[in-house]
Amino acid sequence: WYRQAPGKQRDLVAYINSDGSANYADSVKGRFTISRDNVKKTVYLQ
């Protein structure tokens, strides 16, 4: 998951690997949760 604020570059804020392990940018750690459903082919960001 990436985000782009007005006038700023697009930044990666969270990612989830194929094995389900996840990583977060420091600015969102503890507040954002990434998950995936491989059956639904969908990735979520809480």
ModelCIF file with pLDDT and N, C-alpha, C, O atoms, coordinates in Angstrom:
data_MODEL
#
_entry.id   MODEL 
#
_entity.id                         1 
_entity.type                       polymer 
_entity.pdbx_number_of_molecules   1 
#
_entity_poly.entity_id                      1 
_entity_poly.type                           'polypeptide(L)' 
_entity_poly.nstd_linkage                   no 
_entity_poly.nstd_monomer                   no 
_entity_poly.pdbx_seq_one_letter_code       WYRQAPGKQRDLVAYINSDGSANYADSVKGRFTISRDNVKKTVYLQ 
_entity_poly.pdbx_seq_one_letter_code_can   WYRQAPGKQRDLVAYINSDGSANYADSVKGRFTISRDNVKKTVYLQ 
_entity_poly.pdbx_strand_id                 A 
#
loop_
_entity_poly_seq.entity_id 
_entity_poly_seq.num 
_entity_poly_seq.mon_id 
_entity_poly_seq.hetero 
1 1  TRP n 
1 2  TYR n 
1 3  ARG n 
1 4  GLN n 
1 5  ALA n 
1 6  PRO n 
1 7  GLY n 
1 8  LYS n 
1 9  GLN n 
1 10 ARG n 
1 11 ASP n 
1 12 LEU n 
1 13 VAL n 
1 14 ALA n 
1 15 TYR n 
1 16 ILE n 
1 17 ASN n 
1 18 SER n 
1 19 ASP n 
1 20 GLY n 
1 21 SER n 
1 22 ALA n 
1 23 ASN n 
1 24 TYR n 
1 25 ALA n 
1 26 ASP n 
1 27 SER n 
1 28 VAL n 
1 29 LYS n 
1 30 GLY n 
1 31 ARG n 
1 32 PHE n 
1 33 THR n 
1 34 ILE n 
1 35 SER n 
1 36 ARG n 
1 37 ASP n 
1 38 ASN n 
1 39 VAL n 
1 40 LYS n 
1 41 LYS n 
1 42 THR n 
1 43 VAL n 
1 44 TYR n 
1 45 LEU n 
1 46 GLN n 
#
_struct_asym.id          A 
_struct_asym.entity_id   1 
#
loop_
_ma_qa_metric.id 
_ma_qa_metric.mode 
_ma_qa_metric.name 
_ma_qa_metric.software_group_id 
_ma_qa_metric.type 
1 global pLDDT . pLDDT 
2 local  pLDDT . pLDDT 
#
_ma_qa_metric_global.metric_id      1 
_ma_qa_metric_global.metric_value   97.20 
_ma_qa_metric_global.model_id       1 
_ma_qa_metric_global.ordinal_id     1 
#
loop_
_ma_qa_metric_local.label_asym_id 
_ma_qa_metric_local.label_comp_id 
_ma_qa_metric_local.label_seq_id 
_ma_qa_metric_local.metric_id 
_ma_qa_metric_local.metric_value 
_ma_qa_metric_local.model_id 
_ma_qa_metric_local.ordinal_id 
A TRP 1  2 98.00 1 1  
A TYR 2  2 98.00 1 2  
A ARG 3  2 98.00 1 3  
A GLN 4  2 98.00 1 4  
A ALA 5  2 96.00 1 5  
A PRO 6  2 91.00 1 6  
A GLY 7  2 94.00 1 7  
A LYS 8  2 96.00 1 8  
A GLN 9  2 97.00 1 9  
A ARG 10 2 96.00 1 10 
A ASP 11 2 97.00 1 11 
A LEU 12 2 97.00 1 12 
A VAL 13 2 98.00 1 13 
A ALA 14 2 98.00 1 14 
A TYR 15 2 98.00 1 15 
A ILE 16 2 98.00 1 16 
A ASN 17 2 97.00 1 17 
A SER 18 2 96.00 1 18 
A ASP 19 2 96.00 1 19 
A GLY 20 2 96.00 1 20 
A SER 21 2 98.00 1 21 
A ALA 22 2 98.00 1 22 
A ASN 23 2 98.00 1 23 
A TYR 24 2 98.00 1 24 
A ALA 25 2 97.00 1 25 
A ASP 26 2 97.00 1 26 
A SER 27 2 94.00 1 27 
A VAL 28 2 96.00 1 28 
A LYS 29 2 97.00 1 29 
A GLY 30 2 97.00 1 30 
A ARG 31 2 98.00 1 31 
A PHE 32 2 98.00 1 32 
A THR 33 2 98.00 1 33 
A ILE 34 2 98.00 1 34 
A SER 35 2 98.00 1 35 
A ARG 36 2 98.00 1 36 
A ASP 37 2 98.00 1 37 
A ASN 38 2 98.00 1 38 
A VAL 39 2 98.00 1 39 
A LYS 40 2 98.00 1 40 
A LYS 41 2 98.00 1 41 
A THR 42 2 98.00 1 42 
A VAL 43 2 98.00 1 43 
A TYR 44 2 98.00 1 44 
A LEU 45 2 98.00 1 45 
A GLN 46 2 98.00 1 46 
#
loop_
_atom_site.group_PDB 
_atom_site.id 
_atom_site.type_symbol 
_atom_site.label_atom_id 
_atom_site.label_alt_id 
_atom_site.label_comp_id 
_atom_site.label_asym_id 
_atom_site.label_entity_id 
_atom_site.label_seq_id 
_atom_site.pdbx_PDB_ins_code 
_atom_site.Cartn_x 
_atom_site.Cartn_y 
_atom_site.Cartn_z 
_atom_site.occupancy 
_atom_site.B_iso_or_equiv 
_atom_site.pdbx_formal_charge 
_atom_site.auth_seq_id 
_atom_site.auth_comp_id 
_atom_site.auth_asym_id 
_atom_site.auth_atom_id 
_atom_site.pdbx_PDB_model_num 
ATOM 1   N N  . TRP A 1 1  ? 0.858   -1.179  0.000  1.00 98.00 ? 1  TRP A N  1 
ATOM 2   C CA . TRP A 1 1  ? 0.000   0.000   0.000  1.00 98.00 ? 1  TRP A CA 1 
ATOM 3   C C  . TRP A 1 1  ? 0.900   1.236   0.000  1.00 98.00 ? 1  TRP A C  1 
ATOM 4   O O  . TRP A 1 1  ? 1.862   1.331   0.761  1.00 98.00 ? 1  TRP A O  1 
ATOM 5   N N  . TYR A 1 2  ? 0.558   2.167   -0.868 1.00 98.00 ? 2  TYR A N  1 
ATOM 6   C CA . TYR A 1 2  ? 1.295   3.403   -1.021 1.00 98.00 ? 2  TYR A CA 1 
ATOM 7   C C  . TYR A 1 2  ? 0.327   4.554   -0.802 1.00 98.00 ? 2  TYR A C  1 
ATOM 8   O O  . TYR A 1 2  ? -0.890  4.391   -0.890 1.00 98.00 ? 2  TYR A O  1 
ATOM 9   N N  . ARG A 1 3  ? 0.891   5.716   -0.515 1.00 98.00 ? 3  ARG A N  1 
ATOM 10  C CA . ARG A 1 3  ? 0.039   6.900   -0.431 1.00 98.00 ? 3  ARG A CA 1 
ATOM 11  C C  . ARG A 1 3  ? 0.763   8.096   -1.004 1.00 98.00 ? 3  ARG A C  1 
ATOM 12  O O  . ARG A 1 3  ? 1.991   8.191   -0.975 1.00 98.00 ? 3  ARG A O  1 
ATOM 13  N N  . GLN A 1 4  ? -0.038  9.004   -1.525 1.00 98.00 ? 4  GLN A N  1 
ATOM 14  C CA . GLN A 1 4  ? 0.506   10.230  -2.102 1.00 98.00 ? 4  GLN A CA 1 
ATOM 15  C C  . GLN A 1 4  ? -0.334  11.397  -1.647 1.00 98.00 ? 4  GLN A C  1 
ATOM 16  O O  . GLN A 1 4  ? -1.509  11.517  -1.992 1.00 98.00 ? 4  GLN A O  1 
ATOM 17  N N  . ALA A 1 5  ? 0.288   12.251  -0.870 1.00 96.00 ? 5  ALA A N  1 
ATOM 18  C CA . ALA A 1 5  ? -0.358  13.471  -0.412 1.00 96.00 ? 5  ALA A CA 1 
ATOM 19  C C  . ALA A 1 5  ? -0.158  14.551  -1.465 1.00 96.00 ? 5  ALA A C  1 
ATOM 20  O O  . ALA A 1 5  ? 0.764   14.455  -2.275 1.00 96.00 ? 5  ALA A O  1 
ATOM 21  N N  . PRO A 1 6  ? -1.004  15.577  -1.470 1.00 91.00 ? 6  PRO A N  1 
ATOM 22  C CA . PRO A 1 6  ? -0.867  16.638  -2.468 1.00 91.00 ? 6  PRO A CA 1 
ATOM 23  C C  . PRO A 1 6  ? 0.515   17.262  -2.461 1.00 91.00 ? 6  PRO A C  1 
ATOM 24  O O  . PRO A 1 6  ? 1.018   17.669  -1.413 1.00 91.00 ? 6  PRO A O  1 
ATOM 25  N N  . GLY A 1 7  ? 1.128   17.337  -3.634 1.00 94.00 ? 7  GLY A N  1 
ATOM 26  C CA . GLY A 1 7  ? 2.429   17.955  -3.754 1.00 94.00 ? 7  GLY A CA 1 
ATOM 27  C C  . GLY A 1 7  ? 3.594   17.119  -3.271 1.00 94.00 ? 7  GLY A C  1 
ATOM 28  O O  . GLY A 1 7  ? 4.727   17.598  -3.221 1.00 94.00 ? 7  GLY A O  1 
ATOM 29  N N  . LYS A 1 8  ? 3.326   15.875  -2.915 1.00 96.00 ? 8  LYS A N  1 
ATOM 30  C CA . LYS A 1 8  ? 4.390   15.017  -2.397 1.00 96.00 ? 8  LYS A CA 1 
ATOM 31  C C  . LYS A 1 8  ? 4.529   13.761  -3.257 1.00 96.00 ? 8  LYS A C  1 
ATOM 32  O O  . LYS A 1 8  ? 3.663   13.452  -4.075 1.00 96.00 ? 8  LYS A O  1 
ATOM 33  N N  . GLN A 1 9  ? 5.609   13.063  -3.060 1.00 97.00 ? 9  GLN A N  1 
ATOM 34  C CA . GLN A 1 9  ? 5.827   11.839  -3.824 1.00 97.00 ? 9  GLN A CA 1 
ATOM 35  C C  . GLN A 1 9  ? 4.998   10.716  -3.245 1.00 97.00 ? 9  GLN A C  1 
ATOM 36  O O  . GLN A 1 9  ? 4.514   10.797  -2.116 1.00 97.00 ? 9  GLN A O  1 
ATOM 37  N N  . ARG A 1 10 ? 4.842   9.670   -4.030 1.00 96.00 ? 10 ARG A N  1 
ATOM 38  C CA . ARG A 1 10 ? 4.133   8.485   -3.575 1.00 96.00 ? 10 ARG A CA 1 
ATOM 39  C C  . ARG A 1 10 ? 5.080   7.648   -2.726 1.00 96.00 ? 10 ARG A C  1 
ATOM 40  O O  . ARG A 1 10 ? 6.190   7.336   -3.156 1.00 96.00 ? 10 ARG A O  1 
ATOM 41  N N  . ASP A 1 11 ? 4.647   7.284   -1.530 1.00 97.00 ? 11 ASP A N  1 
ATOM 42  C CA . ASP A 1 11 ? 5.483   6.537   -0.588 1.00 97.00 ? 11 ASP A CA 1 
ATOM 43  C C  . ASP A 1 11 ? 4.837   5.201   -0.242 1.00 97.00 ? 11 ASP A C  1 
ATOM 44  O O  . ASP A 1 11 ? 3.614   5.084   -0.163 1.00 97.00 ? 11 ASP A O  1 
ATOM 45  N N  . LEU A 1 12 ? 5.670   4.216   -0.043 1.00 97.00 ? 12 LEU A N  1 
ATOM 46  C CA . LEU A 1 12 ? 5.222   2.911   0.433  1.00 97.00 ? 12 LEU A CA 1 
ATOM 47  C C  . LEU A 1 12 ? 5.005   2.999   1.940  1.00 97.00 ? 12 LEU A C  1 
ATOM 48  O O  . LEU A 1 12 ? 5.912   3.390   2.675  1.00 97.00 ? 12 LEU A O  1 
ATOM 49  N N  . VAL A 1 13 ? 3.805   2.638   2.406  1.00 98.00 ? 13 VAL A N  1 
ATOM 50  C CA . VAL A 1 13 ? 3.526   2.713   3.838  1.00 98.00 ? 13 VAL A CA 1 
ATOM 51  C C  . VAL A 1 13 ? 3.425   1.336   4.496  1.00 98.00 ? 13 VAL A C  1 
ATOM 52  O O  . VAL A 1 13 ? 3.639   1.206   5.701  1.00 98.00 ? 13 VAL A O  1 
ATOM 53  N N  . ALA A 1 14 ? 3.103   0.324   3.720  1.00 98.00 ? 14 ALA A N  1 
ATOM 54  C CA . ALA A 1 14 ? 2.996   -1.024  4.280  1.00 98.00 ? 14 ALA A CA 1 
ATOM 55  C C  . ALA A 1 14 ? 3.092   -2.033  3.155  1.00 98.00 ? 14 ALA A C  1 
ATOM 56  O O  . ALA A 1 14 ? 2.649   -1.780  2.034  1.00 98.00 ? 14 ALA A O  1 
ATOM 57  N N  . TYR A 1 15 ? 3.679   -3.189  3.467  1.00 98.00 ? 15 TYR A N  1 
ATOM 58  C CA . TYR A 1 15 ? 3.669   -4.243  2.463  1.00 98.00 ? 15 TYR A CA 1 
ATOM 59  C C  . TYR A 1 15 ? 3.552   -5.596  3.140  1.00 98.00 ? 15 TYR A C  1 
ATOM 60  O O  . TYR A 1 15 ? 3.906   -5.771  4.306  1.00 98.00 ? 15 TYR A O  1 
ATOM 61  N N  . ILE A 1 16 ? 3.045   -6.539  2.373  1.00 98.00 ? 16 ILE A N  1 
ATOM 62  C CA . ILE A 1 16 ? 2.871   -7.895  2.869  1.00 98.00 ? 16 ILE A CA 1 
ATOM 63  C C  . ILE A 1 16 ? 3.457   -8.843  1.829  1.00 98.00 ? 16 ILE A C  1 
ATOM 64  O O  . ILE A 1 16 ? 3.148   -8.766  0.639  1.00 98.00 ? 16 ILE A O  1 
ATOM 65  N N  . ASN A 1 17 ? 4.296   -9.722  2.307  1.00 97.00 ? 17 ASN A N  1 
ATOM 66  C CA . ASN A 1 17 ? 4.945   -10.671 1.416  1.00 97.00 ? 17 ASN A CA 1 
ATOM 67  C C  . ASN A 1 17 ? 4.004   -11.829 1.083  1.00 97.00 ? 17 ASN A C  1 
ATOM 68  O O  . ASN A 1 17 ? 2.925   -11.959 1.661  1.00 97.00 ? 17 ASN A O  1 
ATOM 69  N N  . SER A 1 18 ? 4.431   -12.651 0.153  1.00 96.00 ? 18 SER A N  1 
ATOM 70  C CA . SER A 1 18 ? 3.594   -13.782 -0.240 1.00 96.00 ? 18 SER A CA 1 
ATOM 71  C C  . SER A 1 18 ? 3.396   -14.768 0.915  1.00 96.00 ? 18 SER A C  1 
ATOM 72  O O  . SER A 1 18 ? 2.417   -15.514 0.935  1.00 96.00 ? 18 SER A O  1 
ATOM 73  N N  . ASP A 1 19 ? 4.315   -14.771 1.865  1.00 96.00 ? 19 ASP A N  1 
ATOM 74  C CA . ASP A 1 19 ? 4.179   -15.680 3.012  1.00 96.00 ? 19 ASP A CA 1 
ATOM 75  C C  . ASP A 1 19 ? 3.350   -15.075 4.148  1.00 96.00 ? 19 ASP A C  1 
ATOM 76  O O  . ASP A 1 19 ? 3.166   -15.695 5.195  1.00 96.00 ? 19 ASP A O  1 
ATOM 77  N N  . GLY A 1 20 ? 2.855   -13.860 3.925  1.00 96.00 ? 20 GLY A N  1 
ATOM 78  C CA . GLY A 1 20 ? 2.006   -13.211 4.923  1.00 96.00 ? 20 GLY A CA 1 
ATOM 79  C C  . GLY A 1 20 ? 2.738   -12.307 5.896  1.00 96.00 ? 20 GLY A C  1 
ATOM 80  O O  . GLY A 1 20 ? 2.100   -11.624 6.697  1.00 96.00 ? 20 GLY A O  1 
ATOM 81  N N  . SER A 1 21 ? 4.055   -12.288 5.846  1.00 98.00 ? 21 SER A N  1 
ATOM 82  C CA . SER A 1 21 ? 4.794   -11.397 6.735  1.00 98.00 ? 21 SER A CA 1 
ATOM 83  C C  . SER A 1 21 ? 4.617   -9.954  6.261  1.00 98.00 ? 21 SER A C  1 
ATOM 84  O O  . SER A 1 21 ? 4.524   -9.687  5.063  1.00 98.00 ? 21 SER A O  1 
ATOM 85  N N  . ALA A 1 22 ? 4.574   -9.036  7.215  1.00 98.00 ? 22 ALA A N  1 
ATOM 86  C CA . ALA A 1 22 ? 4.243   -7.644  6.890  1.00 98.00 ? 22 ALA A CA 1 
ATOM 87  C C  . ALA A 1 22 ? 5.293   -6.692  7.457  1.00 98.00 ? 22 ALA A C  1 
ATOM 88  O O  . ALA A 1 22 ? 5.976   -6.997  8.434  1.00 98.00 ? 22 ALA A O  1 
ATOM 89  N N  . ASN A 1 23 ? 5.398   -5.543  6.820  1.00 98.00 ? 23 ASN A N  1 
ATOM 90  C CA . ASN A 1 23 ? 6.292   -4.486  7.277  1.00 98.00 ? 23 ASN A CA 1 
ATOM 91  C C  . ASN A 1 23 ? 5.611   -3.131  7.085  1.00 98.00 ? 23 ASN A C  1 
ATOM 92  O O  . ASN A 1 23 ? 4.757   -2.960  6.215  1.00 98.00 ? 23 ASN A O  1 
ATOM 93  N N  . TYR A 1 24 ? 6.018   -2.170  7.930  1.00 98.00 ? 24 TYR A N  1 
ATOM 94  C CA . TYR A 1 24 ? 5.355   -0.873  7.930  1.00 98.00 ? 24 TYR A CA 1 
ATOM 95  C C  . TYR A 1 24 ? 6.374   0.263   7.989  1.00 98.00 ? 24 TYR A C  1 
ATOM 96  O O  . TYR A 1 24 ? 7.456   0.131   8.561  1.00 98.00 ? 24 TYR A O  1 
ATOM 97  N N  . ALA A 1 25 ? 5.992   1.371   7.385  1.00 97.00 ? 25 ALA A N  1 
ATOM 98  C CA . ALA A 1 25 ? 6.780   2.580   7.566  1.00 97.00 ? 25 ALA A CA 1 
ATOM 99  C C  . ALA A 1 25 ? 6.659   3.023   9.016  1.00 97.00 ? 25 ALA A C  1 
ATOM 100 O O  . ALA A 1 25 ? 5.635   2.791   9.659  1.00 97.00 ? 25 ALA A O  1 
ATOM 101 N N  . ASP A 1 26 ? 7.699   3.656   9.526  1.00 97.00 ? 26 ASP A N  1 
ATOM 102 C CA . ASP A 1 26 ? 7.696   4.091   10.929 1.00 97.00 ? 26 ASP A CA 1 
ATOM 103 C C  . ASP A 1 26 ? 6.513   5.009   11.229 1.00 97.00 ? 26 ASP A C  1 
ATOM 104 O O  . ASP A 1 26 ? 5.969   4.989   12.333 1.00 97.00 ? 26 ASP A O  1 
ATOM 105 N N  . SER A 1 27 ? 6.124   5.803   10.255 1.00 94.00 ? 27 SER A N  1 
ATOM 106 C CA . SER A 1 27 ? 5.063   6.787   10.484 1.00 94.00 ? 27 SER A CA 1 
ATOM 107 C C  . SER A 1 27 ? 3.694   6.157   10.706 1.00 94.00 ? 27 SER A C  1 
ATOM 108 O O  . SER A 1 27 ? 2.785   6.817   11.211 1.00 94.00 ? 27 SER A O  1 
ATOM 109 N N  . VAL A 1 28 ? 3.537   4.899   10.339 1.00 96.00 ? 28 VAL A N  1 
ATOM 110 C CA . VAL A 1 28 ? 2.223   4.260   10.464 1.00 96.00 ? 28 VAL A CA 1 
ATOM 111 C C  . VAL A 1 28 ? 2.249   3.040   11.367 1.00 96.00 ? 28 VAL A C  1 
ATOM 112 O O  . VAL A 1 28 ? 1.210   2.441   11.641 1.00 96.00 ? 28 VAL A O  1 
ATOM 113 N N  . LYS A 1 29 ? 3.421   2.677   11.823 1.00 97.00 ? 29 LYS A N  1 
ATOM 114 C CA . LYS A 1 29 ? 3.553   1.470   12.635 1.00 97.00 ? 29 LYS A CA 1 
ATOM 115 C C  . LYS A 1 29 ? 2.677   1.570   13.884 1.00 97.00 ? 29 LYS A C  1 
ATOM 116 O O  . LYS A 1 29 ? 2.684   2.585   14.580 1.00 97.00 ? 29 LYS A O  1 
ATOM 117 N N  . GLY A 1 30 ? 1.933   0.514   14.153 1.00 97.00 ? 30 GLY A N  1 
ATOM 118 C CA . GLY A 1 30 ? 1.050   0.498   15.305 1.00 97.00 ? 30 GLY A CA 1 
ATOM 119 C C  . GLY A 1 30 ? -0.342  1.002   15.021 1.00 97.00 ? 30 GLY A C  1 
ATOM 120 O O  . GLY A 1 30 ? -1.246  0.811   15.835 1.00 97.00 ? 30 GLY A O  1 
ATOM 121 N N  . ARG A 1 31 ? -0.541  1.650   13.867 1.00 98.00 ? 31 ARG A N  1 
ATOM 122 C CA . ARG A 1 31 ? -1.861  2.180   13.511 1.00 98.00 ? 31 ARG A CA 1 
ATOM 123 C C  . ARG A 1 31 ? -2.422  1.526   12.246 1.00 98.00 ? 31 ARG A C  1 
ATOM 124 O O  . ARG A 1 31 ? -3.638  1.438   12.079 1.00 98.00 ? 31 ARG A O  1 
ATOM 125 N N  . PHE A 1 32 ? -1.547  1.076   11.370 1.00 98.00 ? 32 PHE A N  1 
ATOM 126 C CA . PHE A 1 32 ? -1.959  0.454   10.115 1.00 98.00 ? 32 PHE A CA 1 
ATOM 127 C C  . PHE A 1 32 ? -1.715  -1.048  10.211 1.00 98.00 ? 32 PHE A C  1 
ATOM 128 O O  . PHE A 1 32 ? -0.730  -1.497  10.798 1.00 98.00 ? 32 PHE A O  1 
ATOM 129 N N  . THR A 1 33 ? -2.629  -1.813  9.626  1.00 98.00 ? 33 THR A N  1 
ATOM 130 C CA . THR A 1 33 ? -2.473  -3.259  9.561  1.00 98.00 ? 33 THR A CA 1 
ATOM 131 C C  . THR A 1 33 ? -2.800  -3.721  8.147  1.00 98.00 ? 33 THR A C  1 
ATOM 132 O O  . THR A 1 33 ? -3.905  -3.506  7.648  1.00 98.00 ? 33 THR A O  1 
ATOM 133 N N  . ILE A 1 34 ? -1.834  -4.350  7.521  1.00 98.00 ? 34 ILE A N  1 
ATOM 134 C CA . ILE A 1 34 ? -2.046  -4.870  6.170  1.00 98.00 ? 34 ILE A CA 1 
ATOM 135 C C  . ILE A 1 34 ? -2.337  -6.364  6.261  1.00 98.00 ? 34 ILE A C  1 
ATOM 136 O O  . ILE A 1 34 ? -1.764  -7.072  7.089  1.00 98.00 ? 34 ILE A O  1 
ATOM 137 N N  . SER A 1 35 ? -3.222  -6.823  5.413  1.00 98.00 ? 35 SER A N  1 
ATOM 138 C CA . SER A 1 35 ? -3.553  -8.243  5.368  1.00 98.00 ? 35 SER A CA 1 
ATOM 139 C C  . SER A 1 35 ? -3.947  -8.608  3.943  1.00 98.00 ? 35 SER A C  1 
ATOM 140 O O  . SER A 1 35 ? -4.152  -7.740  3.095  1.00 98.00 ? 35 SER A O  1 
ATOM 141 N N  . ARG A 1 36 ? -4.047  -9.893  3.702  1.00 98.00 ? 36 ARG A N  1 
ATOM 142 C CA . ARG A 1 36 ? -4.397  -10.332 2.358  1.00 98.00 ? 36 ARG A CA 1 
ATOM 143 C C  . ARG A 1 36 ? -5.290  -11.564 2.419  1.00 98.00 ? 36 ARG A C  1 
ATOM 144 O O  . ARG A 1 36 ? -5.231  -12.348 3.367  1.00 98.00 ? 36 ARG A O  1 
ATOM 145 N N  . ASP A 1 37 ? -6.111  -11.717 1.399  1.00 98.00 ? 37 ASP A N  1 
ATOM 146 C CA . ASP A 1 37 ? -6.952  -12.890 1.231  1.00 98.00 ? 37 ASP A CA 1 
ATOM 147 C C  . ASP A 1 37 ? -6.658  -13.423 -0.164 1.00 98.00 ? 37 ASP A C  1 
ATOM 148 O O  . ASP A 1 37 ? -7.118  -12.863 -1.159 1.00 98.00 ? 37 ASP A O  1 
ATOM 149 N N  . ASN A 1 38 ? -5.900  -14.496 -0.233 1.00 98.00 ? 38 ASN A N  1 
ATOM 150 C CA . ASN A 1 38 ? -5.476  -15.013 -1.529 1.00 98.00 ? 38 ASN A CA 1 
ATOM 151 C C  . ASN A 1 38 ? -6.626  -15.648 -2.303 1.00 98.00 ? 38 ASN A C  1 
ATOM 152 O O  . ASN A 1 38 ? -6.569  -15.736 -3.529 1.00 98.00 ? 38 ASN A O  1 
ATOM 153 N N  . VAL A 1 39 ? -7.660  -16.088 -1.606 1.00 98.00 ? 39 VAL A N  1 
ATOM 154 C CA . VAL A 1 39 ? -8.818  -16.647 -2.303 1.00 98.00 ? 39 VAL A CA 1 
ATOM 155 C C  . VAL A 1 39 ? -9.584  -15.523 -2.998 1.00 98.00 ? 39 VAL A C  1 
ATOM 156 O O  . VAL A 1 39 ? -9.989  -15.655 -4.153 1.00 98.00 ? 39 VAL A O  1 
ATOM 157 N N  . LYS A 1 40 ? -9.775  -14.432 -2.291 1.00 98.00 ? 40 LYS A N  1 
ATOM 158 C CA . LYS A 1 40 ? -10.487 -13.288 -2.860 1.00 98.00 ? 40 LYS A CA 1 
ATOM 159 C C  . LYS A 1 40 ? -9.581  -12.402 -3.702 1.00 98.00 ? 40 LYS A C  1 
ATOM 160 O O  . LYS A 1 40 ? -10.042 -11.457 -4.342 1.00 98.00 ? 40 LYS A O  1 
ATOM 161 N N  . LYS A 1 41 ? -8.284  -12.715 -3.698 1.00 98.00 ? 41 LYS A N  1 
ATOM 162 C CA . LYS A 1 41 ? -7.318  -11.891 -4.447 1.00 98.00 ? 41 LYS A CA 1 
ATOM 163 C C  . LYS A 1 41 ? -7.435  -10.424 -4.042 1.00 98.00 ? 41 LYS A C  1 
ATOM 164 O O  . LYS A 1 41 ? -7.514  -9.531  -4.886 1.00 98.00 ? 41 LYS A O  1 
ATOM 165 N N  . THR A 1 42 ? -7.442  -10.205 -2.755 1.00 98.00 ? 42 THR A N  1 
ATOM 166 C CA . THR A 1 42 ? -7.625  -8.859  -2.224 1.00 98.00 ? 42 THR A CA 1 
ATOM 167 C C  . THR A 1 42 ? -6.622  -8.605  -1.115 1.00 98.00 ? 42 THR A C  1 
ATOM 168 O O  . THR A 1 42 ? -6.337  -9.483  -0.300 1.00 98.00 ? 42 THR A O  1 
ATOM 169 N N  . VAL A 1 43 ? -6.092  -7.394  -1.097 1.00 98.00 ? 43 VAL A N  1 
ATOM 170 C CA . VAL A 1 43 ? -5.236  -6.954  -0.006 1.00 98.00 ? 43 VAL A CA 1 
ATOM 171 C C  . VAL A 1 43 ? -5.949  -5.806  0.700  1.00 98.00 ? 43 VAL A C  1 
ATOM 172 O O  . VAL A 1 43 ? -6.574  -4.957  0.064  1.00 98.00 ? 43 VAL A O  1 
ATOM 173 N N  . TYR A 1 44 ? -5.845  -5.796  2.023  1.00 98.00 ? 44 TYR A N  1 
ATOM 174 C CA . TYR A 1 44 ? -6.556  -4.831  2.855  1.00 98.00 ? 44 TYR A CA 1 
ATOM 175 C C  . TYR A 1 44 ? -5.569  -3.954  3.617  1.00 98.00 ? 44 TYR A C  1 
ATOM 176 O O  . TYR A 1 44 ? -4.425  -4.342  3.856  1.00 98.00 ? 44 TYR A O  1 
ATOM 177 N N  . LEU A 1 45 ? -6.027  -2.789  3.984  1.00 98.00 ? 45 LEU A N  1 
ATOM 178 C CA . LEU A 1 45 ? -5.274  -1.924  4.877  1.00 98.00 ? 45 LEU A CA 1 
ATOM 179 C C  . LEU A 1 45 ? -6.239  -1.370  5.914  1.00 98.00 ? 45 LEU A C  1 
ATOM 180 O O  . LEU A 1 45 ? -7.084  -0.526  5.614  1.00 98.00 ? 45 LEU A O  1 
ATOM 181 N N  . GLN A 1 46 ? -6.099  -1.854  7.124  1.00 98.00 ? 46 GLN A N  1 
ATOM 182 C CA . GLN A 1 46 ? -6.878  -1.323  8.250  1.00 98.00 ? 46 GLN A CA 1 
ATOM 183 C C  . GLN A 1 46 ? -6.128  -0.138  8.821  1.00 98.00 ? 46 GLN A C  1 
ATOM 184 O O  . GLN A 1 46 ? -6.587  0.478   9.782  1.00 98.00 ? 46 GLN A O  1 
#
